[in-house]
Structures are given as C-alpha cells and as structure tokens.
Protein backbone atom coordinates (compact mmCIF):
# COMPACT_ATOMS: atom_id res chain seq x y z
CA MET A 1 140.31 121.88 140.09
CA LYS A 2 139.11 123.76 143.20
CA ARG A 3 136.43 123.95 145.73
CA TYR A 4 135.12 125.59 148.90
CA LEU A 5 133.92 123.73 151.81
CA ARG A 6 131.98 125.46 154.57
CA ILE A 7 131.75 123.57 157.98
CA ALA A 8 129.77 124.84 161.08
CA VAL A 9 130.71 123.56 164.29
CA LEU A 10 128.06 123.88 166.98
CA GLY A 11 129.35 123.40 170.46
CA ALA A 12 129.78 119.44 170.58
CA ALA A 13 127.71 118.83 167.36
CA VAL A 14 128.65 119.34 163.77
CA LEU A 15 126.57 120.33 160.88
CA SER A 16 128.56 119.79 157.54
CA GLN A 17 127.88 120.86 153.88
CA ALA A 18 130.86 118.92 152.77
CA GLY A 19 131.02 115.87 150.64
CA LEU A 20 127.17 115.48 150.35
CA VAL A 21 125.92 113.79 147.12
CA ARG A 22 122.54 113.52 145.73
CA PRO A 23 121.02 111.79 142.81
CA ALA A 24 119.93 114.17 140.01
CA ALA A 25 116.08 114.82 140.62
CA GLU A 26 113.79 113.42 138.01
CA ASP A 27 111.50 116.40 138.02
CA THR A 28 114.25 119.01 137.31
CA SER A 29 112.92 121.93 135.37
CA ALA A 30 113.55 121.61 131.61
CA ASP A 31 113.00 125.46 131.51
CA SER A 32 115.77 126.15 133.96
CA LEU A 33 118.16 123.78 132.16
CA ALA A 34 117.49 125.31 128.94
CA LEU A 35 118.05 128.74 130.58
CA LEU A 36 121.37 127.61 131.94
CA ALA A 37 122.49 126.00 128.68
CA HIS A 38 121.61 129.15 126.73
CA ALA A 39 123.43 131.34 128.91
CA ARG A 40 126.51 129.24 128.74
CA GLN A 41 126.39 129.25 124.87
CA LEU A 42 126.09 132.96 124.89
CA GLN A 43 128.83 133.68 127.48
CA ASP A 44 131.43 130.87 127.23
CA LEU A 45 134.38 132.40 125.28
CA ARG A 46 136.53 129.27 125.98
CA ALA A 47 134.23 126.59 124.58
CA GLU A 48 135.85 124.16 122.10
CA GLY A 49 135.46 125.40 118.59
CA ASN A 50 135.40 129.08 119.50
CA PRO A 51 137.86 131.47 117.58
CA PRO A 52 140.95 132.61 119.32
CA PHE A 53 140.94 135.66 121.34
CA GLN A 54 142.99 137.66 123.86
CA LEU A 55 141.90 139.87 126.77
CA ARG A 56 143.15 142.03 129.60
CA ALA A 57 141.45 143.11 132.80
CA HIS A 58 142.06 145.34 135.71
CA LEU A 59 141.63 144.01 139.18
CA GLU A 60 140.74 146.01 142.18
CA VAL A 61 140.23 144.51 145.64
CA LYS A 62 139.14 146.33 148.87
CA VAL A 63 139.56 144.95 152.33
CA ASN A 64 138.18 147.17 154.93
CA LYS A 65 139.92 150.57 154.04
CA SER A 66 142.75 148.82 152.03
CA GLU A 67 142.86 148.71 148.51
CA THR A 68 144.95 146.48 146.15
CA GLN A 69 145.32 146.67 142.42
CA GLY A 70 146.21 143.96 139.88
CA GLU A 71 146.08 142.79 136.40
CA TYR A 72 144.77 139.66 134.53
CA GLY A 73 145.48 138.64 130.95
CA LEU A 74 144.51 135.55 128.75
CA ILE A 75 145.46 134.40 125.35
CA TRP A 76 143.18 131.51 124.22
CA GLN A 77 143.57 129.44 121.09
CA ALA A 78 142.05 126.00 122.11
CA PRO A 79 141.12 124.35 125.49
CA ASN A 80 144.65 122.76 125.47
CA ARG A 81 146.44 125.89 124.17
CA TRP A 82 146.19 128.96 126.23
CA ARG A 83 148.21 131.27 128.44
CA GLU A 84 146.92 133.09 131.57
CA GLU A 85 148.81 135.68 133.67
CA MET A 86 147.62 137.23 136.84
CA LYS A 87 149.03 139.67 139.46
CA LEU A 88 147.39 140.88 142.46
CA GLY A 89 149.55 142.57 145.21
CA ASP A 90 152.19 140.16 146.16
CA PHE A 91 150.53 137.17 144.41
CA GLY A 92 151.60 136.41 140.87
CA ARG A 93 150.56 133.31 138.59
CA LEU A 94 151.20 131.93 135.35
CA ARG A 95 149.32 129.13 133.73
CA VAL A 96 149.96 127.53 130.20
CA GLY A 97 147.36 124.99 128.97
CA ALA A 98 148.52 121.62 127.81
CA ASP A 99 146.92 118.22 126.99
CA GLY A 100 145.29 116.87 130.10
CA GLY A 101 145.85 119.99 132.21
CA TYR A 102 148.20 122.96 132.46
CA TRP A 103 151.62 123.99 133.77
CA GLN A 104 151.54 126.48 136.60
CA GLU A 105 154.20 128.81 138.07
CA ARG A 106 153.32 131.18 140.95
CA THR A 107 155.04 133.31 143.43
CA ILE A 108 153.78 131.65 146.57
CA ASP A 109 153.26 127.74 147.31
CA TYR A 110 149.46 128.33 148.02
CA GLN A 111 146.53 130.16 146.65
CA PRO A 112 144.75 132.87 148.75
CA GLN A 113 140.97 132.59 149.12
CA ILE A 114 140.43 135.61 146.92
CA ILE A 115 142.15 133.84 144.12
CA PHE A 116 139.81 130.95 144.11
CA ASP A 117 136.94 133.41 143.76
CA LEU A 118 138.64 135.21 140.93
CA ASP A 119 139.15 131.90 139.24
CA GLN A 120 135.54 130.91 139.59
CA PHE A 121 133.83 134.28 138.55
CA LYS A 122 136.13 135.90 136.16
CA ASP A 123 133.77 134.85 133.39
CA ALA A 124 130.04 133.86 133.63
CA ALA A 125 130.60 130.34 132.33
CA GLY A 126 132.57 129.60 135.40
CA VAL A 127 129.24 129.26 137.57
CA LEU A 128 126.65 127.90 134.83
CA GLY A 129 127.71 124.24 134.97
CA VAL A 130 125.54 121.83 137.06
CA HIS A 131 127.11 119.01 138.95
CA PRO A 132 125.14 115.57 138.53
CA THR A 133 124.61 115.71 142.34
CA GLU A 134 122.77 118.87 142.21
CA MET A 135 119.13 119.70 141.84
CA VAL A 136 117.66 122.57 139.66
CA GLY A 137 114.61 124.57 140.64
CA LYS A 138 111.99 126.10 138.51
CA PRO A 139 112.73 129.75 137.21
CA GLN A 140 111.17 132.55 139.28
CA SER A 141 111.01 136.24 138.84
CA ARG A 142 113.08 138.31 141.38
CA LYS A 143 113.68 141.93 141.31
CA ILE A 144 117.30 143.12 141.91
CA ASP A 145 118.31 146.54 142.01
CA GLY A 146 114.70 147.58 140.53
CA ILE A 147 115.33 145.19 137.55
CA THR A 148 113.23 142.12 137.13
CA LEU A 149 115.27 139.09 136.48
CA SER A 150 114.46 135.22 135.99
CA CYS A 151 116.16 133.37 138.79
CA VAL A 152 117.13 129.59 139.21
CA GLU A 153 117.93 127.87 142.40
CA ILE A 154 120.53 125.11 142.32
CA ARG A 155 120.57 122.85 145.54
CA GLY A 156 122.76 120.25 147.08
CA LYS A 157 121.52 117.60 149.33
CA ARG A 158 120.64 119.77 152.41
CA SER A 159 120.93 123.32 151.40
CA LEU A 160 120.87 125.95 148.66
CA GLU A 161 124.10 126.16 146.78
CA ARG A 162 123.49 129.22 144.67
CA GLU A 163 120.95 131.18 142.84
CA LEU A 164 121.47 132.47 139.40
CA CYS A 165 119.46 135.28 137.91
CA PHE A 166 119.25 136.04 134.10
CA ASP A 167 118.04 138.86 131.90
CA PRO A 168 114.78 137.42 130.73
CA ALA A 169 114.91 139.01 127.44
CA GLY A 170 118.36 138.00 126.36
CA GLY A 171 119.12 135.13 128.73
CA VAL A 172 122.51 136.59 130.03
CA LEU A 173 123.54 135.74 133.53
CA LEU A 174 123.58 139.09 135.36
CA HIS A 175 123.56 138.09 139.20
CA ALA A 176 124.48 135.20 141.52
CA ASP A 177 124.08 134.45 145.16
CA PHE A 178 126.08 132.01 147.17
CA PRO A 179 124.80 131.31 150.67
CA GLU A 180 127.62 130.88 153.31
CA ARG A 181 127.37 129.97 156.89
CA ALA A 182 128.36 132.86 159.23
CA LEU A 183 128.54 132.98 163.00
CA HIS A 184 125.44 132.28 165.19
CA GLY A 185 123.91 130.10 162.59
CA ALA A 186 123.52 133.19 160.27
CA THR A 187 123.55 132.91 156.58
CA VAL A 188 125.17 135.56 154.40
CA ASN A 189 125.21 135.77 150.67
CA LYS A 190 128.56 136.05 148.63
CA THR A 191 127.22 137.99 145.61
CA VAL A 192 128.49 138.40 142.06
CA ASP A 193 127.18 140.89 139.55
CA PHE A 194 127.94 140.86 135.89
CA SER A 195 127.33 144.20 134.01
CA ASP A 196 128.44 146.10 131.00
CA VAL A 197 127.33 143.38 128.61
CA GLN A 198 128.61 143.79 125.18
CA PRO A 199 128.73 141.69 122.07
CA PHE A 200 131.84 140.00 120.96
CA GLY A 201 131.31 137.90 117.72
CA ASP A 202 128.20 135.72 118.51
CA LYS A 203 128.74 136.08 122.39
CA GLN A 204 127.51 138.45 124.92
CA ILE A 205 130.38 139.09 127.31
CA ALA A 206 130.07 141.08 130.82
CA ARG A 207 132.95 143.41 130.85
CA SER A 208 132.63 144.35 134.63
CA ILE A 209 132.18 141.72 137.35
CA ARG A 210 131.78 142.61 140.87
CA ILE A 211 132.33 140.06 143.62
CA GLU A 212 131.50 140.74 147.32
CA ARG A 213 132.09 138.48 150.41
CA PRO A 214 130.30 140.45 153.20
CA GLY A 215 132.74 141.29 156.06
CA ARG A 216 135.70 139.95 153.98
CA TYR A 217 136.35 141.94 150.76
CA GLN A 218 134.96 143.53 147.55
CA MET A 219 136.66 142.83 144.11
CA ARG A 220 135.81 144.31 140.86
CA ILE A 221 137.19 142.76 137.39
CA SER A 222 137.20 145.27 134.58
CA PHE A 223 137.92 144.23 131.05
CA THR A 224 140.36 146.70 129.57
CA SER A 225 140.42 144.99 126.14
CA LEU A 226 139.03 141.95 124.43
CA ALA A 227 139.89 141.20 120.65
CA ALA A 228 140.22 138.31 118.28
CA ALA A 229 143.74 137.01 118.18
CA LEU A 230 144.70 136.58 114.63
CA GLU A 231 148.44 135.58 115.10
CA ILE A 232 149.64 133.99 118.33
CA SER A 233 153.34 133.25 118.80
CA ALA A 234 154.05 129.47 119.48
CA ALA A 235 156.41 130.89 122.32
CA ALA A 236 153.39 132.00 124.29
CA PHE A 237 152.57 128.37 124.89
CA ALA A 238 155.80 127.15 125.97
CA GLN A 239 156.19 125.48 129.30
CA PRO A 240 157.27 127.89 131.97
CA ALA A 241 160.72 127.30 133.26
CA HIS A 242 159.88 126.67 137.01
CA SER A 243 156.34 125.26 136.59
CA GLU A 244 154.63 122.21 137.81
CA PHE A 245 151.90 120.31 136.13
CA TRP A 246 148.35 120.13 137.28
CA GLY A 247 145.96 117.57 135.59
CA GLY A 248 142.41 118.02 134.59
CA CYS A 249 139.81 117.05 132.04
CA GLY A 250 138.08 120.39 132.24
CA ASP A 251 134.65 119.17 133.38
CA GLY A 252 134.93 120.74 136.74
CA SER A 253 134.25 117.63 138.78
CA PRO A 254 135.31 118.30 142.30
CA ALA A 255 137.02 115.87 144.72
CA GLU A 256 134.40 114.43 147.17
CA ILE A 257 135.00 113.74 150.87
CA SER A 258 134.86 109.99 151.52
CA SER A 259 136.02 110.16 155.22
CA ALA A 260 135.93 113.06 157.47
CA LYS A 261 136.66 113.70 161.06
CA SER A 262 134.71 116.73 162.38
CA PRO A 263 136.72 119.38 164.33
CA GLU A 264 135.98 119.25 168.08
CA TYR A 265 134.94 122.55 169.64
CA PRO A 266 137.75 123.36 172.25
CA ALA A 267 136.03 122.61 175.64
CA GLU A 268 137.26 125.83 177.35
CA LEU A 269 136.13 128.07 174.28
CA ARG A 270 132.75 126.41 174.32
CA ARG A 271 132.26 127.00 178.16
CA ASN A 272 133.24 130.58 177.59
CA ARG A 273 130.85 130.77 174.61
CA GLN A 274 133.90 132.03 172.43
CA GLU A 275 133.15 131.87 168.83
CA GLY A 276 135.17 132.34 165.73
CA LEU A 277 136.09 131.31 162.06
CA VAL A 278 139.02 129.31 160.68
CA SER A 279 140.10 129.26 157.11
CA ILE A 280 142.58 126.65 155.93
CA TYR A 281 144.22 125.96 152.44
CA ALA A 282 144.74 122.46 151.56
CA ARG A 283 145.89 120.23 148.65
CA ILE A 284 143.97 117.14 147.94
CA GLU A 285 146.64 114.49 146.71
CA GLN A 286 146.02 111.92 144.02
CA ASP A 287 145.59 109.22 146.84
CA GLY A 288 142.84 111.35 148.35
CA SER A 289 144.94 112.53 151.34
CA THR A 290 145.31 116.17 152.33
CA SER A 291 148.69 118.04 152.39
CA HIS A 292 150.37 121.44 152.35
CA LEU A 293 147.77 122.64 154.99
CA LEU A 294 148.08 126.34 155.60
CA THR A 295 145.89 128.47 157.97
CA LEU A 296 144.77 131.56 156.15
CA SER A 297 142.97 133.04 159.11
CA SER A 298 141.98 132.11 162.55
CA ALA A 299 139.99 133.45 165.40
CA SER A 300 142.17 131.69 167.88
CA PRO A 301 145.10 129.26 168.15
CA ALA A 302 142.74 126.69 169.82
CA PHE A 303 140.19 126.86 166.96
CA GLU A 304 143.20 126.54 164.48
CA ARG A 305 144.54 123.46 166.07
CA ALA A 306 140.99 121.79 166.14
CA ALA A 307 140.47 122.44 162.44
CA ARG A 308 143.83 121.37 161.42
CA ASP A 309 143.72 118.05 163.46
CA ALA A 310 140.43 117.25 161.64
CA VAL A 311 141.50 118.17 158.16
CA GLN A 312 144.78 116.40 158.10
CA LYS A 313 143.02 113.13 158.67
CA TRP A 314 140.36 113.57 156.03
CA LYS A 315 140.23 111.42 152.81
CA TYR A 316 138.75 112.25 149.43
CA LYS A 317 137.52 110.45 146.48
CA VAL A 318 139.36 112.19 143.76
CA PRO A 319 138.22 112.54 139.91
CA VAL A 320 140.01 110.67 137.35
CA CYS A 321 141.17 112.11 134.04
CA GLY A 322 142.55 109.88 131.18
CA GLY A 323 142.84 107.05 133.62
CA SER A 324 144.94 108.98 136.19
CA PRO A 325 143.83 110.50 139.51
CA ILE A 326 143.79 114.29 139.58
CA ARG A 327 145.06 116.37 142.60
CA SER A 328 143.47 119.59 143.42
CA GLU A 329 143.36 122.37 146.13
CA THR A 330 140.69 123.85 148.05
CA VAL A 331 139.87 126.35 150.96
CA ILE A 332 137.87 124.97 153.89
CA ASP A 333 135.97 127.49 156.07
CA PHE A 334 135.13 126.37 159.67
CA SER A 335 132.51 128.40 161.58
CA PHE A 336 132.65 127.67 165.40
CA TRP A 337 129.54 129.02 167.07
CA VAL A 338 127.38 128.18 170.22
CA PRO A 339 123.66 127.83 169.57
CA ARG A 340 121.48 130.48 171.31
C-alpha cells in the first residue's frame, strides 16, 4: 500500500493536503460513478474471476537528457496467486502474491518515487477506484489533443485530487490529470495518457501508457506481449528466498495521518527568500509511526533537516486487514516557498 503526500510550507504558515478526510457527498453524480464502474469493468485485468494471463512490457524513462530502459512482467492467476518482476536501471523488484498480501524482494531497501508512479499507473484500474472520503463531480466534456472526452473530477476535502477523462463512445479511460503543488504556489499537472487500446477477451486494454511529471521525468510503458496463460508452473508462485511479507487486503485503503508536526521554514532561508523542494521516502509501521526515512531529493540541507524533523514525529492511522494492522510505504513531497 502506497501513497503520496504533498505539503506546501509557506514562510511560517503551512497548508497541508495530507490526512484530510471528508464524508462522501450525498449528491455524488450517479452518471460519474457509473462511468467509473464501467471503465473498471472494461480495463481491470486482475479482477477476481478473470482468466489467467501473462504480460510483458518495456519501460522507458527520460530525466532531462538521460534515458533509462527497463522491463516489467506479470503472471496472474488469482488475486492471491501472481508473480510480478520489474527492472529499471539499478532498481529490481520481485513480488509474489499470497493470502493476505505478497512476498517482496528488491535490490535496494527503499522505493524510488518513479516506481510508486509505475505501480499506480501500469494499468488503468489503478486510478479508477474512489475512496469513501472523496467526492465525485458530474461528467463534463473536455477537448484533449483535439479529441472530445468525458471527464470527471474527484475531490478531497480542500482540493482537486485528480481528473479522469474517458472515451465517451466506449467508456475507456484515456487521460488523467493529478494536480501537484509546485514552488510559488503554482499548481502543475502530473499527466497520464492511455493509448493503443486493444481488445483482450472481454476487456479493452491500453497497451501504451505515458506518464509525465513536469520538470522531473517522462515514462512510457509499452506492452510487448499480453496473452492467456493456459499452463503456469507452481514454481512461479514460490516464496522468493530473500523476501519479506507485506500485508494488504487489496482494497487500496491508505494510511491516514492522525498527528502531524508541520515542518518549520528555516528562519535564515525564509529571510533570504530561498525556496525549494524536498522529497522523503518513509515506511509507515503497524503502530502508525514512521521509519526508514530517506531523502530522495532536497534543495538544501536546512530544508531537509526541517522536513525530516517533522516526518519522524508523525503518527498515522493504519488500515487493518484480517484483524491485523498493515504497514505501508510512501513518498512525501515538501514545497518550501515564500508568498509573493
């Protein structure tokens, strides 16, 4: 279970999008919920009861002028019986599904931010679920790249979380925008485009997925094969030798912040109007504490210290699966900026 948090630190004041909850709206559009449910039925290969399959995909990531290649593979038989392998640059990961979660083995003891995005967007079903605390707007037409799509806004308590846009004829998800706080109070959209949609059994699967975080990276996921899996060796689902178990019920319920100390803007940097971003990886343990903090990027050591000092004191309300609390991992982005 994984989640992004984005925190804006404004001088001495803080605006946080983290841990906000909202009762489901009574006037939620039935048309939008039907659109989301139809798209998920069309595009979710891993729903319970679906026939076994195997797929492979090529990964391509561009950061500035640097380019990294990778491969992704999945053998799927049931929600508790699957095998997923991934290699991107120096990062490698193997997961094998099990009752109540999965076994995981990876080459490093943390997960880069780009892998969180890959996990979320490698298939359309990863963004079609709606958390009970979110509100769904009514469908509206929007033209994207010259094509008119039917778009639905999904909002949290204080802000727009994402906008999902569908082919009005077939109901397939083709585009998604995720607003993110940048410096100077600006908002930029992380975008995901699903294309080359082809039938696979009774499903409609996008075989090309493009993800872009402006100013950070671009990634393309290209399916090289997708086929029914008629015979799968039991050895494919054996527990990896050096793996650890991660629990989960598969409903995607995130851990929610229950107590959070906001980062303090370093006084000298604030006086000098120095601004910047900090990105921190953290594990959320079963007792709701944070651990394994690792700075993925930082504009300055002072910003890093402020962010880490805050996060290490945070407490979460963690989801429960089968009566047991579930640990998870996350990336928290902090934006330090001085209002103009």
